[in-house]
C-alpha atoms as a PDB file:
ATOM      1  CA  MET A   1       0.002  -0.001  -0.004  1.00  0.00           C
ATOM      2  CA  LYS A   2       2.824   2.378   0.865  1.00  0.00           C
ATOM      3  CA  THR A   3       4.489   1.616  -2.474  1.00  0.00           C
ATOM      4  CA  VAL A   4       1.312   2.529  -4.333  1.00  0.00           C
ATOM      5  CA  LEU A   5       0.985   5.767  -2.368  1.00  0.00           C
ATOM      6  CA  ARG A   6       4.606   6.702  -3.141  1.00  0.00           C
ATOM      7  CA  LEU A   7       3.994   6.065  -6.847  1.00  0.00           C
ATOM      8  CA  VAL A   8       0.873   8.248  -6.826  1.00  0.00           C
ATOM      9  CA  VAL A   9       2.744  11.050  -5.055  1.00  0.00           C
ATOM     10  CA  LEU A  10       5.635  10.790  -7.538  1.00  0.00           C
ATOM     11  CA  LEU A  11       3.329  10.963 -10.551  1.00  0.00           C
ATOM     12  CA  ALA A  12       1.493  13.909  -9.047  1.00  0.00           C
ATOM     13  CA  ALA A  13       4.787  15.720  -8.484  1.00  0.00           C
ATOM     14  CA  CYS A  14       5.876  15.106 -12.080  1.00  0.00           C
ATOM     15  CA  PHE A  15       2.542  16.324 -13.416  1.00  0.00           C
ATOM     16  CA  ALA A  16       2.706  19.419 -11.224  1.00  0.00           C
ATOM     17  CA  GLY A  17       6.209  20.125 -12.483  1.00  0.00           C
ATOM     18  CA  GLN A  18       5.092  19.906 -16.109  1.00  0.00           C
ATOM     19  CA  VAL A  19       2.144  22.221 -15.408  1.00  0.00           C
ATOM     20  CA  ALA A  20       4.382  24.714 -13.638  1.00  0.00           C
ATOM     21  CA  TYR A  21       6.876  24.621 -16.546  1.00  0.00           C
ATOM     22  CA  ALA A  22       4.099  25.205 -19.064  1.00  0.00           C
ATOM     23  CA  GLN A  23       2.707  28.080 -17.019  1.00  0.00           C
ATOM     24  CA  GLN A  24       6.105  29.720 -16.606  1.00  0.00           C
ATOM     25  CA  ARG A  25       6.835  29.581 -20.343  1.00  0.00           C
ATOM     26  CA  PRO A  26       4.505  31.563 -22.636  1.00  0.00           C
ATOM     27  CA  SER A  27       3.446  29.744 -25.803  1.00  0.00           C
ATOM     28  CA  ASN A  28       4.890  30.658 -29.205  1.00  0.00           C
ATOM     29  CA  THR A  29       7.649  32.910 -27.850  1.00  0.00           C
ATOM     30  CA  GLU A  30      10.225  31.608 -30.329  1.00  0.00           C
ATOM     31  CA  THR A  31      11.476  33.864 -33.124  1.00  0.00           C
ATOM     32  CA  VAL A  32      13.839  33.356 -36.045  1.00  0.00           C
ATOM     33  CA  GLU A  33      16.507  35.706 -37.428  1.00  0.00           C
ATOM     34  CA  ILE A  34      18.293  35.359 -40.784  1.00  0.00           C
ATOM     35  CA  GLY A  35      21.144  36.941 -42.732  1.00  0.00           C
ATOM     36  CA  LEU A  36      22.763  36.347 -46.133  1.00  0.00           C
ATOM     37  CA  SER A  37      26.371  35.650 -47.041  1.00  0.00           C
ATOM     38  CA  THR A  38      26.047  38.606 -49.443  1.00  0.00           C
ATOM     39  CA  ASP A  39      23.318  41.121 -50.193  1.00  0.00           C
ATOM     40  CA  THR A  40      24.358  41.657 -53.837  1.00  0.00           C
ATOM     41  CA  ILE A  41      25.313  39.229 -56.597  1.00  0.00           C
ATOM     42  CA  ALA A  42      26.836  40.603 -59.807  1.00  0.00           C
ATOM     43  CA  ILE A  43      26.197  38.737 -63.057  1.00  0.00           C
ATOM     44  CA  THR A  44      28.821  38.963 -65.789  1.00  0.00           C
ATOM     45  CA  SER A  45      29.142  37.221 -69.142  1.00  0.00           C
ATOM     46  CA  GLY A  46      30.991  34.352 -67.457  1.00  0.00           C
ATOM     47  CA  PHE A  47      28.384  33.734 -64.738  1.00  0.00           C
ATOM     48  CA  ARG A  48      27.613  30.020 -64.419  1.00  0.00           C
ATOM     49  CA  GLY A  49      25.429  30.058 -61.322  1.00  0.00           C
ATOM     50  CA  THR A  50      26.365  30.119 -57.654  1.00  0.00           C
ATOM     51  CA  ASP A  51      25.318  29.046 -54.175  1.00  0.00           C
ATOM     52  CA  LEU A  52      23.849  31.464 -51.662  1.00  0.00           C
ATOM     53  CA  THR A  53      24.318  30.766 -47.952  1.00  0.00           C
ATOM     54  CA  VAL A  54      21.627  31.838 -45.508  1.00  0.00           C
ATOM     55  CA  PHE A  55      22.561  31.973 -41.825  1.00  0.00           C
ATOM     56  CA  GLY A  56      19.986  32.070 -39.075  1.00  0.00           C
ATOM     57  CA  ALA A  57      19.331  31.740 -35.372  1.00  0.00           C
ATOM     58  CA  LEU A  58      16.467  30.746 -33.096  1.00  0.00           C
ATOM     59  CA  ASP A  59      15.648  33.065 -30.213  1.00  0.00           C
ATOM     60  CA  ASN A  60      13.801  32.016 -27.044  1.00  0.00           C
ATOM     61  CA  ALA A  61      13.874  28.381 -28.117  1.00  0.00           C
ATOM     62  CA  ASP A  62      12.536  25.746 -25.742  1.00  0.00           C
ATOM     63  CA  PRO A  63      15.518  23.650 -24.491  1.00  0.00           C
ATOM     64  CA  LEU A  64      13.399  20.509 -24.194  1.00  0.00           C
ATOM     65  CA  ILE A  65      12.095  20.764 -27.768  1.00  0.00           C
ATOM     66  CA  GLN A  66      15.631  21.554 -28.955  1.00  0.00           C
ATOM     67  CA  ARG A  67      17.004  18.376 -27.423  1.00  0.00           C
ATOM     68  CA  GLN A  68      14.210  16.377 -29.000  1.00  0.00           C
ATOM     69  CA  GLY A  69      14.927  17.913 -32.428  1.00  0.00           C
ATOM     70  CA  ARG A  70      11.374  19.077 -32.958  1.00  0.00           C
ATOM     71  CA  TYR A  71      12.206  22.455 -34.514  1.00  0.00           C
ATOM     72  CA  ASP A  72      12.254  22.693 -38.320  1.00  0.00           C
ATOM     73  CA  ILE A  73      13.286  25.467 -40.692  1.00  0.00           C
ATOM     74  CA  VAL A  74      12.198  26.095 -44.278  1.00  0.00           C
ATOM     75  CA  VAL A  75      14.118  28.738 -46.243  1.00  0.00           C
ATOM     76  CA  VAL A  76      12.805  30.175 -49.514  1.00  0.00           C
ATOM     77  CA  LEU A  77      14.325  32.608 -52.013  1.00  0.00           C
ATOM     78  CA  GLU A  78      11.751  34.173 -54.352  1.00  0.00           C
ATOM     79  CA  GLY A  79      12.723  36.120 -57.448  1.00  0.00           C
ATOM     80  CA  PRO A  80      11.020  39.245 -58.805  1.00  0.00           C
ATOM     81  CA  GLU A  81       7.420  38.835 -59.929  1.00  0.00           C
ATOM     82  CA  ARG A  82       6.805  38.584 -63.666  1.00  0.00           C
ATOM     83  CA  ASN A  83       4.016  37.691 -66.096  1.00  0.00           C
ATOM     84  CA  PHE A  84       4.266  34.394 -67.954  1.00  0.00           C
ATOM     85  CA  VAL A  85       2.421  32.696 -70.793  1.00  0.00           C
ATOM     86  CA  VAL A  86       2.068  28.920 -71.072  1.00  0.00           C
ATOM     87  CA  ARG A  87       1.344  27.755 -74.619  1.00  0.00           C
ATOM     88  CA  ARG A  88       0.395  24.429 -76.085  1.00  0.00           C
ATOM     89  CA  LYS A  89       1.684  23.456 -79.501  1.00  0.00           C
ATOM     90  CA  ASP A  90      -0.407  21.437 -81.920  1.00  0.00           C
ATOM     91  CA  ARG A  91       0.521  19.880 -85.226  1.00  0.00           C
ATOM     92  CA  TYR A  92      -1.211  21.530 -88.183  1.00  0.00           C
ATOM     93  CA  LEU A  93      -0.503  20.413 -91.769  1.00  0.00           C
ATOM     94  CA  GLY A  94       2.753  18.836 -90.612  1.00  0.00           C
ATOM     95  CA  ILE A  95       3.920  21.989 -88.816  1.00  0.00           C
ATOM     96  CA  TRP A  96       3.987  22.618 -85.071  1.00  0.00           C
ATOM     97  CA  VAL A  97       2.152  25.851 -84.295  1.00  0.00           C
ATOM     98  CA  ASN A  98       1.103  27.622 -81.096  1.00  0.00           C
ATOM     99  CA  ALA A  99      -2.456  26.750 -80.095  1.00  0.00           C
ATOM    100  CA  GLU A 100      -4.177  27.529 -76.796  1.00  0.00           C
ATOM    101  CA  SER A 101      -2.404  29.585 -74.142  1.00  0.00           C
ATOM    102  CA  VAL A 102      -2.938  30.801 -70.574  1.00  0.00           C
ATOM    103  CA  SER A 103      -1.395  33.988 -69.151  1.00  0.00           C
ATOM    104  CA  PHE A 104      -0.326  34.209 -65.511  1.00  0.00           C
ATOM    105  CA  GLN A 105       0.570  37.281 -63.450  1.00  0.00           C
ATOM    106  CA  HIS A 106       2.569  38.065 -60.291  1.00  0.00           C
ATOM    107  CA  ILE A 107       4.579  34.852 -60.581  1.00  0.00           C
ATOM    108  CA  PRO A 108       8.064  34.614 -58.999  1.00  0.00           C
ATOM    109  CA  ALA A 109      10.561  34.367 -61.838  1.00  0.00           C
ATOM    110  CA  SER A 110      12.666  32.037 -59.667  1.00  0.00           C
ATOM    111  CA  TYR A 111      11.996  30.006 -56.536  1.00  0.00           C
ATOM    112  CA  SER A 112      14.532  28.094 -54.444  1.00  0.00           C
ATOM    113  CA  LEU A 113      13.520  26.156 -51.329  1.00  0.00           C
ATOM    114  CA  ALA A 114      15.639  24.388 -48.736  1.00  0.00           C
ATOM    115  CA  SER A 115      14.443  22.645 -45.587  1.00  0.00           C
ATOM    116  CA  THR A 116      15.686  20.640 -42.633  1.00  0.00           C
ATOM    117  CA  ARG A 117      13.695  17.592 -43.768  1.00  0.00           C
ATOM    118  CA  ASN A 118      11.205  16.556 -46.416  1.00  0.00           C
ATOM    119  CA  LEU A 119       8.197  18.861 -46.287  1.00  0.00           C
ATOM    120  CA  GLN A 120       5.803  16.004 -45.553  1.00  0.00           C
ATOM    121  CA  ASP A 121       7.863  15.223 -42.431  1.00  0.00           C
ATOM    122  CA  ILE A 122       7.714  18.824 -41.157  1.00  0.00           C
ATOM    123  CA  ALA A 123       3.995  19.649 -41.301  1.00  0.00           C
ATOM    124  CA  THR A 124       0.744  18.570 -42.938  1.00  0.00           C
ATOM    125  CA  PRO A 125      -0.042  19.440 -46.568  1.00  0.00           C
ATOM    126  CA  LYS A 126      -2.813  21.721 -45.284  1.00  0.00           C
ATOM    127  CA  VAL A 127      -0.291  23.867 -43.378  1.00  0.00           C
ATOM    128  CA  PHE A 128       1.946  24.283 -46.430  1.00  0.00           C
ATOM    129  CA  ALA A 129      -1.058  25.009 -48.641  1.00  0.00           C
ATOM    130  CA  GLN A 130      -2.155  27.794 -46.276  1.00  0.00           C
ATOM    131  CA  LEU A 131       1.358  29.267 -46.296  1.00  0.00           C
ATOM    132  CA  GLY A 132       1.812  28.785 -50.051  1.00  0.00           C
ATOM    133  CA  LEU A 133       5.106  27.024 -49.322  1.00  0.00           C
ATOM    134  CA  GLY A 134       6.548  24.717 -51.946  1.00  0.00           C
ATOM    135  CA  VAL A 135       6.383  24.631 -55.722  1.00  0.00           C
ATOM    136  CA  ASN A 136       3.112  22.703 -55.702  1.00  0.00           C
ATOM    137  CA  ASN A 137       1.487  24.988 -53.110  1.00  0.00           C
ATOM    138  CA  MET A 138       2.188  28.360 -54.709  1.00  0.00           C
ATOM    139  CA  PHE A 139      -0.744  30.346 -56.068  1.00  0.00           C
ATOM    140  CA  TYR A 140      -0.393  30.671 -59.823  1.00  0.00           C
ATOM    141  CA  GLU A 141      -2.660  33.622 -60.515  1.00  0.00           C
ATOM    142  CA  PRO A 142      -4.143  33.766 -64.021  1.00  0.00           C
ATOM    143  CA  MET A 143      -4.787  37.073 -65.729  1.00  0.00           C
ATOM    144  CA  PRO A 144      -8.512  37.937 -65.701  1.00  0.00           C
ATOM    145  CA  ASP A 145      -8.743  37.609 -69.478  1.00  0.00           C
ATOM    146  CA  GLY A 146      -5.743  35.311 -69.918  1.00  0.00           C
ATOM    147  CA  PHE A 147      -7.522  31.984 -70.349  1.00  0.00           C
ATOM    148  CA  GLY A 148     -10.407  30.541 -72.310  1.00  0.00           C
ATOM    149  CA  SER A 149     -12.215  28.274 -69.858  1.00  0.00           C
ATOM    150  CA  SER A 150     -11.866  26.874 -66.358  1.00  0.00           C
ATOM    151  CA  GLN A 151     -10.974  23.490 -67.835  1.00  0.00           C
ATOM    152  CA  THR A 152      -8.179  25.059 -69.886  1.00  0.00           C
ATOM    153  CA  LEU A 153      -6.884  26.815 -66.769  1.00  0.00           C
ATOM    154  CA  LYS A 154      -6.973  23.549 -64.819  1.00  0.00           C
ATOM    155  CA  GLU A 155      -4.941  21.813 -67.525  1.00  0.00           C
ATOM    156  CA  PHE A 156      -2.363  24.564 -68.000  1.00  0.00           C
ATOM    157  CA  THR A 157      -1.676  25.595 -64.377  1.00  0.00           C
ATOM    158  CA  PRO A 158       0.466  22.530 -63.457  1.00  0.00           C
ATOM    159  CA  GLU A 159       2.544  23.112 -66.588  1.00  0.00           C
ATOM    160  CA  LEU A 160       3.972  26.412 -65.323  1.00  0.00           C
ATOM    161  CA  PRO A 161       5.882  24.971 -62.327  1.00  0.00           C
ATOM    162  CA  ARG A 162       6.858  21.948 -64.429  1.00  0.00           C
ATOM    163  CA  LEU A 163       8.486  24.231 -67.013  1.00  0.00           C
ATOM    164  CA  LYS A 164      10.193  26.269 -64.296  1.00  0.00           C
ATOM    165  CA  LEU A 165      11.616  23.121 -62.716  1.00  0.00           C
ATOM    166  CA  LYS A 166      12.846  21.978 -66.131  1.00  0.00           C
ATOM    167  CA  GLN A 167      14.564  25.354 -66.631  1.00  0.00           C
ATOM    168  CA  LYS A 168      16.116  24.999 -63.135  1.00  0.00           C
ATOM    169  CA  LEU A 169      14.537  28.300 -62.122  1.00  0.00           C
ATOM    170  CA  TYR A 170      12.490  26.462 -59.478  1.00  0.00           C
ATOM    171  CA  SER A 171      14.089  23.983 -57.079  1.00  0.00           C
ATOM    172  CA  GLN A 172      13.402  22.201 -53.785  1.00  0.00           C
ATOM    173  CA  ARG A 173      16.250  20.728 -51.748  1.00  0.00           C
ATOM    174  CA  PRO A 174      15.202  18.968 -48.537  1.00  0.00           C
ATOM    175  CA  GLY A 175      18.037  18.497 -46.057  1.00  0.00           C
ATOM    176  CA  ASP A 176      19.951  21.606 -47.187  1.00  0.00           C
ATOM    177  CA  VAL A 177      19.101  23.433 -43.952  1.00  0.00           C
ATOM    178  CA  GLN A 178      21.364  22.209 -41.170  1.00  0.00           C
ATOM    179  CA  PHE A 179      21.556  23.133 -37.508  1.00  0.00           C
ATOM    180  CA  LEU A 180      25.144  24.069 -36.625  1.00  0.00           C
ATOM    181  CA  SER A 181      24.288  24.195 -32.922  1.00  0.00           C
ATOM    182  CA  ALA A 182      21.195  24.171 -30.736  1.00  0.00           C
ATOM    183  CA  THR A 183      20.109  27.577 -32.063  1.00  0.00           C
ATOM    184  CA  LEU A 184      22.222  28.375 -35.159  1.00  0.00           C
ATOM    185  CA  PHE A 185      21.387  27.025 -38.622  1.00  0.00           C
ATOM    186  CA  ARG A 186      22.664  27.355 -42.169  1.00  0.00           C
ATOM    187  CA  ALA A 187      20.867  26.929 -45.483  1.00  0.00           C
ATOM    188  CA  THR A 188      22.382  26.538 -48.945  1.00  0.00           C
ATOM    189  CA  LEU A 189      20.381  27.739 -51.940  1.00  0.00           C
ATOM    190  CA  SER A 190      21.439  27.038 -55.522  1.00  0.00           C
ATOM    191  CA  LEU A 191      21.126  29.916 -58.008  1.00  0.00           C
ATOM    192  CA  PRO A 192      21.181  28.824 -61.677  1.00  0.00           C
ATOM    193  CA  ALA A 193      23.063  30.569 -64.456  1.00  0.00           C
ATOM    194  CA  ASN A 194      19.780  31.998 -65.781  1.00  0.00           C
ATOM    195  CA  VAL A 195      18.707  33.496 -62.442  1.00  0.00           C
ATOM    196  CA  PRO A 196      16.690  36.675 -63.135  1.00  0.00           C
ATOM    197  CA  VAL A 197      18.052  40.114 -62.395  1.00  0.00           C
ATOM    198  CA  GLY A 198      16.235  42.162 -59.766  1.00  0.00           C
ATOM    199  CA  LYS A 199      15.253  42.131 -56.110  1.00  0.00           C
ATOM    200  CA  HIS A 200      14.918  38.696 -54.510  1.00  0.00           C
ATOM    201  CA  VAL A 201      13.380  38.023 -51.099  1.00  0.00           C
ATOM    202  CA  ALA A 202      14.730  35.371 -48.725  1.00  0.00           C
ATOM    203  CA  ARG A 203      12.309  34.060 -46.095  1.00  0.00           C
ATOM    204  CA  ALA A 204      12.796  31.667 -43.188  1.00  0.00           C
ATOM    205  CA  PHE A 205       9.812  29.804 -41.721  1.00  0.00           C
ATOM    206  CA  LEU A 206      10.027  28.318 -38.235  1.00  0.00           C
ATOM    207  CA  PHE A 207       8.034  25.197 -37.305  1.00  0.00           C
ATOM    208  CA  ARG A 208       7.619  23.417 -33.987  1.00  0.00           C
ATOM    209  CA  ASN A 209       6.040  19.970 -33.819  1.00  0.00           C
ATOM    210  CA  GLY A 210       4.427  20.546 -37.216  1.00  0.00           C
ATOM    211  CA  GLU A 211       3.035  23.946 -36.218  1.00  0.00           C
ATOM    212  CA  PHE A 212       4.060  27.127 -38.024  1.00  0.00           C
ATOM    213  CA  LEU A 213       5.350  29.729 -35.548  1.00  0.00           C
ATOM    214  CA  ARG A 214       7.221  32.621 -37.130  1.00  0.00           C
ATOM    215  CA  GLU A 215       8.602  34.034 -40.369  1.00  0.00           C
ATOM    216  CA  ASN A 216      11.421  36.471 -41.077  1.00  0.00           C
ATOM    217  CA  ALA A 217      12.693  37.945 -44.346  1.00  0.00           C
ATOM    218  CA  THR A 218      15.564  39.830 -45.914  1.00  0.00           C
ATOM    219  CA  SER A 219      16.402  40.914 -49.470  1.00  0.00           C
ATOM    220  CA  LEU A 220      19.018  40.079 -52.089  1.00  0.00           C
ATOM    221  CA  ASN A 221      19.832  42.160 -55.170  1.00  0.00           C
ATOM    222  CA  ILE A 222      21.042  40.491 -58.351  1.00  0.00           C
ATOM    223  CA  VAL A 223      22.502  42.950 -60.848  1.00  0.00           C
ATOM    224  CA  LYS A 224      24.268  42.841 -64.175  1.00  0.00           C
ATOM    225  CA  ALA A 225      27.906  43.928 -64.286  1.00  0.00           C
ATOM    226  CA  GLY A 226      30.794  44.199 -66.720  1.00  0.00           C
ATOM    227  CA  LEU A 227      31.244  45.765 -70.167  1.00  0.00           C
ATOM    228  CA  GLU A 228      28.137  44.137 -71.619  1.00  0.00           C
ATOM    229  CA  PHE A 229      25.965  45.745 -68.962  1.00  0.00           C
ATOM    230  CA  ARG A 230      27.534  49.177 -69.494  1.00  0.00           C
ATOM    231  CA  ILE A 231      26.787  48.970 -73.221  1.00  0.00           C
ATOM    232  CA  TYR A 232      23.243  47.758 -72.532  1.00  0.00           C
ATOM    233  CA  ARG A 233      22.621  50.572 -70.037  1.00  0.00           C
ATOM    234  CA  ALA A 234      24.052  53.194 -72.409  1.00  0.00           C
ATOM    235  CA  ALA A 235      21.825  51.956 -75.239  1.00  0.00           C
ATOM    236  CA  ASN A 236      18.742  52.348 -73.036  1.00  0.00           C
ATOM    237  CA  GLN A 237      19.555  55.557 -71.169  1.00  0.00           C
ATOM    238  CA  TYR A 238      21.250  57.465 -74.010  1.00  0.00           C
ATOM    239  CA  SER A 239      19.630  55.939 -77.066  1.00  0.00           C
ATOM    240  CA  LEU A 240      20.199  58.941 -79.375  1.00  0.00           C
ATOM    241  CA  LEU A 241      23.890  59.292 -78.548  1.00  0.00           C
ATOM    242  CA  TYR A 242      24.295  55.533 -78.718  1.00  0.00           C
ATOM    243  CA  GLY A 243      22.736  55.470 -82.192  1.00  0.00           C
ATOM    244  CA  ILE A 244      24.967  58.312 -83.433  1.00  0.00           C
ATOM    245  CA  PHE A 245      28.054  56.600 -82.025  1.00  0.00           C
ATOM    246  CA  ALA A 246      27.055  53.260 -83.616  1.00  0.00           C
ATOM    247  CA  VAL A 247      26.665  54.895 -87.045  1.00  0.00           C
ATOM    248  CA  PHE A 248      29.973  56.744 -86.634  1.00  0.00           C
ATOM    249  CA  LEU A 249      31.733  53.531 -85.618  1.00  0.00           C
ATOM    250  CA  ALA A 250      30.265  51.706 -88.630  1.00  0.00           C
ATOM    251  CA  VAL A 251      31.496  54.446 -90.993  1.00  0.00           C
ATOM    252  CA  ILE A 252      34.987  54.432 -89.489  1.00  0.00           C
ATOM    253  CA  THR A 253      35.147  50.632 -89.638  1.00  0.00           C
ATOM    254  CA  GLY A 254      34.070  50.610 -93.288  1.00  0.00           C
ATOM    255  CA  TRP A 255      36.568  53.309 -94.200  1.00  0.00           C
ATOM    256  CA  ALA A 256      39.400  51.513 -92.386  1.00  0.00           C
ATOM    257  CA  GLY A 257      38.504  48.241 -94.083  1.00  0.00           C
ATOM    258  CA  ARG A 258      38.560  49.931 -97.458  1.00  0.00           C
ATOM    259  CA  LEU A 259      42.065  51.276 -96.808  1.00  0.00           C
ATOM    260  CA  VAL A 260      43.373  47.901 -95.655  1.00  0.00           C
ATOM    261  CA  PHE A 261      41.977  45.874 -98.537  1.00  0.00           C
ATOM    262  CA  ARG A 262      42.371  48.497-101.272  1.00  0.00           C
ATOM    263  CA  LYS A 263      44.092  47.270-104.415  1.00  0.00           C
ATOM    264  CA  ASP A 264      46.608  49.707-105.802  1.00  0.00           C
END
């Protein structure tokens, strides 16, 4: 009888300790901070793609949940929004021609995702659908007059992410977010050679036991650089002077060629 009483008292003490711990610690106090290895990437004629490192830290993390490894991080880098057209080609009289098409708007030109684990092991599909996280959960917004019928839209919408994945502009890499310590983590994102120029946004999503807690974001600028970019910028900003110079250069080149190859 005494043994049973001791066991009851011990269980009651453990339960009281858990309740006291839960009461002392407010729920959802954790936050996440992130930073980039660089805030600007210059693209030259020899650019072949690169990796971007995202560093981050958990603040106010629960030590018990840390030890149990129940925190997860998903890092996303979204490119500038653009409009895209998905076309279907049909064979007509032996020639492939463009047939039906659907136009989409406000679509990230690039999308790179890295996570601590496979997405299905982090949270439920419903959670990721609500957050719009993952290539298959993004909202591909059609233009109001950019499609013929709802059936056409239903058929064409999955083709947009498929094409982006094929072009390596969209990617998902589970396991590329690693915890370096109990609170510090690092993510590696792969940027392809055809990464679009413009402002990109990096976001980190914090999960605990399958529940989304917090999000933090920072920006990355991808710019053109080198002689090619200077010529391109001059042609756009000073089009008249650029045209005059181009004509002058053509005349000088023709005159010089005539002198070199002239037959006496």
